[in-house]
Amino acid sequence: MGEPQQVSALPPPPMQYIKDYTDENIRKGLAPKPPPPIRDSYMMFGNQFQCDDLIIRPLESQGIERLHPKQFDHKRELKKLNMSILVNFLDLLDILIKSPGSIKREEKLEDIKLLFVHMHHLINEYRPHQARETLRVMMEVQKRQRLDTAERFQKHLERVGEMIQGCLTSLPDDLPQMEVPGGSCDGTKSAGLMGNIGCPIGPALRHKTEPMDVEVAGASCMVGGHDDKAISPPKRNTMWDKDAAMCSIIDEIA
């Protein structure tokens, strides 16, 4: 047996409209235009509404008798309505037990219906407040998320700065000096591997002025094409010192 098919609670879309909104009709401008905005009145759920009506219409405009004053406490009135509904329901049960065919049964049903209408109206008056509170909570959540993201970025930035500072402090002081072509920013030689802080050190790493450094760099990068015995002990020691320094930097970063 096959899997049960999902049935949508919504009605199927109107095919007489879907077939008019094809890609070709849209490209040629033959698709029907959207309906114009309503400017006077409209029908919804069998009732007629005006476009300039309030979102929450007063009870008098709907032909419903008002049971509470215009100035009132919502919480207190809701409690009173809840208690009145309970009392009227008990009265309805008493009428159904004693005289089910009495006319008072219909009157009591109308009273309960009116109480429920008032309760729903008071609850609906809280909708604007609910919308404002929902928007406020959403903005607070977005603010908290952005602050948390900024705090995590700041922690990562501080950690990276500490790692770089640790790498700089772990460099040995007896590394061979390299001369920057044309001197450093102030006309002097750059001391150490990093040179003068704030000066471009890229050319110093690519162009080496000492012949020994050029030969050692070539031997370190292409060790497979040279014989280790052809390298003199001082040059080999210099190469090992540089390799050890680079390995230490990589270990600190990792």
Protein backbone atom coordinates (compact mmCIF):
# COMPACT_ATOMS: atom_id res chain seq x y z
CA MET A 1 0.00 0.00 0.00
CA GLY A 2 1.25 3.46 -0.85
CA GLU A 3 1.79 6.27 1.60
CA PRO A 4 -1.29 8.31 2.55
CA GLN A 5 -1.57 11.49 0.52
CA GLN A 6 -1.66 14.85 2.27
CA VAL A 7 -4.95 16.65 1.77
CA SER A 8 -4.89 20.45 2.03
CA ALA A 9 -7.51 22.17 4.16
CA LEU A 10 -7.71 24.97 1.60
CA PRO A 11 -9.85 24.66 -1.54
CA PRO A 12 -8.03 24.00 -4.82
CA PRO A 13 -6.92 27.11 -6.71
CA PRO A 14 -9.29 28.43 -9.41
CA MET A 15 -7.98 27.00 -12.68
CA GLN A 16 -9.78 29.60 -14.79
CA TYR A 17 -7.44 32.23 -13.36
CA ILE A 18 -4.27 30.12 -13.23
CA LYS A 19 -4.37 29.30 -16.94
CA ASP A 20 -4.40 33.05 -17.77
CA TYR A 21 -1.19 33.75 -15.81
CA THR A 22 1.24 31.76 -17.94
CA ASP A 23 4.79 32.93 -18.62
CA GLU A 24 3.91 33.71 -22.23
CA ASN A 25 0.85 35.77 -21.30
CA ILE A 26 2.82 37.68 -18.69
CA ARG A 27 5.64 38.35 -21.18
CA LYS A 28 3.16 39.61 -23.79
CA GLY A 29 1.15 41.63 -21.28
CA LEU A 30 -2.01 39.55 -21.76
CA ALA A 31 -2.33 38.46 -18.12
CA PRO A 32 -5.34 39.97 -16.30
CA LYS A 33 -4.61 43.00 -14.18
CA PRO A 34 -5.17 42.85 -10.42
CA PRO A 35 -8.55 44.12 -9.21
CA PRO A 36 -8.70 47.81 -8.31
CA PRO A 37 -8.65 48.77 -4.62
CA ILE A 38 -12.01 49.00 -2.90
CA ARG A 39 -13.00 52.59 -2.17
CA ASP A 40 -16.62 52.42 -0.96
CA SER A 41 -17.92 49.25 0.68
CA TYR A 42 -17.41 45.51 0.41
CA MET A 43 -19.01 42.24 1.49
CA MET A 44 -17.20 39.77 3.75
CA PHE A 45 -18.72 36.65 5.32
CA GLY A 46 -22.16 37.84 4.29
CA ASN A 47 -21.81 41.23 6.02
CA GLN A 48 -21.30 44.63 4.43
CA PHE A 49 -18.38 46.75 5.61
CA GLN A 50 -17.29 50.29 4.86
CA CYS A 51 -13.68 51.07 3.98
CA ASP A 52 -13.50 53.88 6.53
CA ASP A 53 -14.80 51.72 9.39
CA LEU A 54 -12.70 51.38 12.50
CA ILE A 55 -10.75 48.20 13.00
CA ILE A 56 -12.69 47.56 16.22
CA ARG A 57 -16.17 48.90 15.67
CA PRO A 58 -18.27 50.05 18.65
CA LEU A 59 -21.08 47.81 19.82
CA GLU A 60 -23.70 50.43 19.01
CA SER A 61 -22.70 50.49 15.34
CA GLN A 62 -23.38 46.76 15.18
CA GLY A 63 -26.81 47.05 16.76
CA ILE A 64 -25.72 45.40 20.02
CA GLU A 65 -26.75 46.66 23.44
CA ARG A 66 -23.84 47.83 25.61
CA LEU A 67 -23.80 46.30 29.11
CA HIS A 68 -20.79 48.19 30.47
CA PRO A 69 -20.06 51.94 30.62
CA LYS A 70 -17.76 53.69 28.16
CA GLN A 71 -15.14 54.30 30.86
CA PHE A 72 -14.33 50.99 32.54
CA ASP A 73 -11.59 48.64 33.65
CA HIS A 74 -11.13 45.82 31.14
CA LYS A 75 -9.90 43.30 33.69
CA ARG A 76 -12.76 43.94 36.07
CA GLU A 77 -15.41 43.83 33.33
CA LEU A 78 -14.02 40.57 31.93
CA LYS A 79 -14.24 38.97 35.37
CA LYS A 80 -17.82 40.18 35.75
CA LEU A 81 -18.75 38.82 32.30
CA ASN A 82 -17.18 35.47 33.11
CA MET A 83 -19.12 35.19 36.33
CA SER A 84 -22.37 36.28 34.59
CA ILE A 85 -21.93 33.62 31.91
CA LEU A 86 -21.46 30.95 34.57
CA VAL A 87 -24.56 32.07 36.50
CA ASN A 88 -26.71 32.24 33.37
CA PHE A 89 -25.54 28.79 32.31
CA LEU A 90 -26.64 27.38 35.67
CA ASP A 91 -29.99 29.14 35.25
CA LEU A 92 -30.32 27.60 31.79
CA LEU A 93 -29.71 24.14 33.23
CA ASP A 94 -32.36 24.75 35.87
CA ILE A 95 -34.86 25.83 33.20
CA LEU A 96 -34.10 22.77 31.06
CA ILE A 97 -34.70 20.50 34.07
CA LYS A 98 -37.93 22.09 35.25
CA SER A 99 -39.62 23.29 32.03
CA PRO A 100 -37.72 22.48 28.81
CA GLY A 101 -40.44 23.95 26.60
CA SER A 102 -40.62 27.27 28.43
CA ILE A 103 -40.00 30.54 26.60
CA LYS A 104 -37.46 31.46 29.24
CA ARG A 105 -35.07 28.98 27.66
CA GLU A 106 -34.78 31.11 24.51
CA GLU A 107 -34.42 34.28 26.58
CA LYS A 108 -31.63 32.75 28.61
CA LEU A 109 -29.84 31.63 25.44
CA GLU A 110 -30.02 35.19 24.09
CA ASP A 111 -28.61 36.53 27.36
CA ILE A 112 -25.68 34.11 27.21
CA LYS A 113 -25.06 34.99 23.58
CA LEU A 114 -25.00 38.72 24.43
CA LEU A 115 -22.53 38.09 27.25
CA PHE A 116 -20.22 36.16 24.93
CA VAL A 117 -20.38 38.97 22.34
CA HIS A 118 -19.33 41.48 24.99
CA MET A 119 -16.49 39.26 26.15
CA HIS A 120 -15.16 38.86 22.62
CA HIS A 121 -15.46 42.60 22.06
CA LEU A 122 -13.41 43.39 25.18
CA ILE A 123 -10.79 40.86 24.16
CA ASN A 124 -10.59 42.34 20.65
CA GLU A 125 -9.95 45.77 22.13
CA TYR A 126 -6.64 44.37 23.38
CA ARG A 127 -5.51 43.51 19.82
CA PRO A 128 -3.68 46.83 19.17
CA HIS A 129 -1.88 46.46 22.49
CA GLN A 130 -1.01 42.86 21.59
CA ALA A 131 0.37 43.96 18.22
CA ARG A 132 2.57 46.62 19.85
CA GLU A 133 3.85 44.18 22.46
CA THR A 134 4.57 41.54 19.82
CA LEU A 135 6.57 44.07 17.79
CA ARG A 136 8.45 45.19 20.89
CA VAL A 137 9.37 41.61 21.80
CA MET A 138 10.53 40.90 18.23
CA MET A 139 12.76 43.99 18.26
CA GLU A 140 14.21 43.03 21.65
CA VAL A 141 15.01 39.54 20.37
CA GLN A 142 16.73 40.98 17.27
CA LYS A 143 18.70 43.43 19.43
CA ARG A 144 19.81 40.63 21.77
CA GLN A 145 20.89 38.46 18.84
CA ARG A 146 22.91 41.28 17.28
CA LEU A 147 24.59 42.09 20.60
CA ASP A 148 25.48 38.42 21.09
CA THR A 149 26.92 38.26 17.57
CA ALA A 150 28.97 41.41 18.15
CA GLU A 151 30.22 40.03 21.46
CA ARG A 152 31.30 36.76 19.84
CA PHE A 153 33.12 38.68 17.08
CA GLN A 154 34.88 40.77 19.73
CA LYS A 155 36.01 37.64 21.59
CA HIS A 156 37.36 36.10 18.38
CA LEU A 157 39.14 39.36 17.56
CA GLU A 158 40.78 39.45 20.99
CA ARG A 159 41.80 35.80 20.68
CA VAL A 160 43.36 36.37 17.25
CA GLY A 161 45.21 39.42 18.61
CA GLU A 162 46.56 37.37 21.52
CA MET A 163 47.71 34.61 19.15
CA ILE A 164 49.52 37.11 16.90
CA GLN A 165 51.11 38.80 19.91
CA GLY A 166 52.21 35.42 21.25
CA CYS A 167 53.76 34.56 17.90
CA LEU A 168 55.67 37.87 17.86
CA THR A 169 56.99 37.43 21.39
CA SER A 170 58.06 33.83 20.72
CA LEU A 171 60.42 34.81 17.88
CA PRO A 172 64.10 34.37 18.82
CA ASP A 173 66.25 37.47 19.09
CA ASP A 174 69.29 35.97 17.33
CA LEU A 175 67.70 35.61 13.87
CA PRO A 176 69.92 36.79 10.97
CA GLN A 177 69.24 40.35 9.90
CA MET A 178 67.87 41.11 6.48
CA GLU A 179 68.40 44.40 4.71
CA VAL A 180 65.42 46.00 2.99
CA PRO A 181 66.32 47.34 -0.47
CA GLY A 182 66.80 51.06 -0.09
CA GLY A 183 66.67 50.80 3.70
CA SER A 184 63.66 50.86 6.02
CA CYS A 185 61.10 53.61 6.35
CA ASP A 186 63.55 55.80 8.28
CA GLY A 187 66.62 54.90 6.16
CA THR A 188 68.00 52.19 8.51
CA LYS A 189 68.11 48.42 8.24
CA SER A 190 65.22 46.33 9.52
CA ALA A 191 66.18 44.24 12.51
CA GLY A 192 64.84 40.73 12.96
CA LEU A 193 62.36 38.77 10.84
CA MET A 194 59.46 41.26 11.03
CA GLY A 195 61.52 44.42 10.38
CA ASN A 196 60.20 47.78 11.42
CA ILE A 197 56.53 47.68 12.48
CA GLY A 198 54.41 49.70 10.10
CA CYS A 199 56.83 49.41 7.15
CA PRO A 200 56.22 47.15 4.15
CA ILE A 201 58.25 43.99 4.72
CA GLY A 202 57.11 42.07 1.65
CA PRO A 203 60.05 43.10 -0.54
CA ALA A 204 62.47 42.22 2.26
CA LEU A 205 61.20 38.64 2.22
CA ARG A 206 61.26 38.32 -1.57
CA HIS A 207 64.55 40.08 -2.39
CA LYS A 208 67.49 39.08 -0.25
CA THR A 209 70.72 40.99 -0.60
CA GLU A 210 73.05 38.46 1.03
CA PRO A 211 74.24 35.69 -1.34
CA MET A 212 74.20 33.17 1.50
CA ASP A 213 70.48 33.75 2.13
CA VAL A 214 69.65 33.22 -1.54
CA GLU A 215 71.50 29.93 -1.63
CA VAL A 216 69.95 28.77 1.63
CA ALA A 217 66.45 29.69 0.47
CA GLY A 218 66.99 27.77 -2.72
CA ALA A 219 68.23 24.78 -0.80
CA SER A 220 65.25 24.90 1.59
CA CYS A 221 62.60 25.18 -1.12
CA MET A 222 64.12 22.68 -3.59
CA VAL A 223 65.94 20.30 -1.31
CA GLY A 224 65.29 17.41 -3.67
CA GLY A 225 67.47 18.94 -6.39
CA HIS A 226 70.60 19.62 -4.28
CA ASP A 227 73.02 17.48 -2.34
CA ASP A 228 73.07 18.10 1.45
CA LYS A 229 76.81 17.48 1.50
CA ALA A 230 77.43 20.45 -0.81
CA ILE A 231 76.04 22.85 1.83
CA SER A 232 78.60 24.11 4.30
CA PRO A 233 77.89 23.67 8.06
CA PRO A 234 77.33 27.43 8.74
CA LYS A 235 74.79 27.66 5.92
CA ARG A 236 73.06 24.49 7.08
CA ASN A 237 72.81 25.79 10.64
CA THR A 238 71.28 29.05 9.40
CA MET A 239 68.71 27.13 7.37
CA TRP A 240 67.78 24.97 10.37
CA ASP A 241 67.37 28.06 12.59
CA LYS A 242 64.94 29.62 10.12
CA ASP A 243 62.97 26.37 9.72
CA ALA A 244 62.71 26.02 13.48
CA ALA A 245 61.44 29.60 13.81
CA MET A 246 58.76 29.06 11.13
CA CYS A 247 57.65 25.76 12.74
CA SER A 248 57.32 27.55 16.09
CA ILE A 249 55.13 30.26 14.50
CA ILE A 250 52.89 27.65 12.84
CA ASP A 251 52.52 25.73 16.14
CA GLU A 252 51.47 28.92 17.96
CA ILE A 253 48.83 29.71 15.32
CA ALA A 254 47.47 26.16 15.31
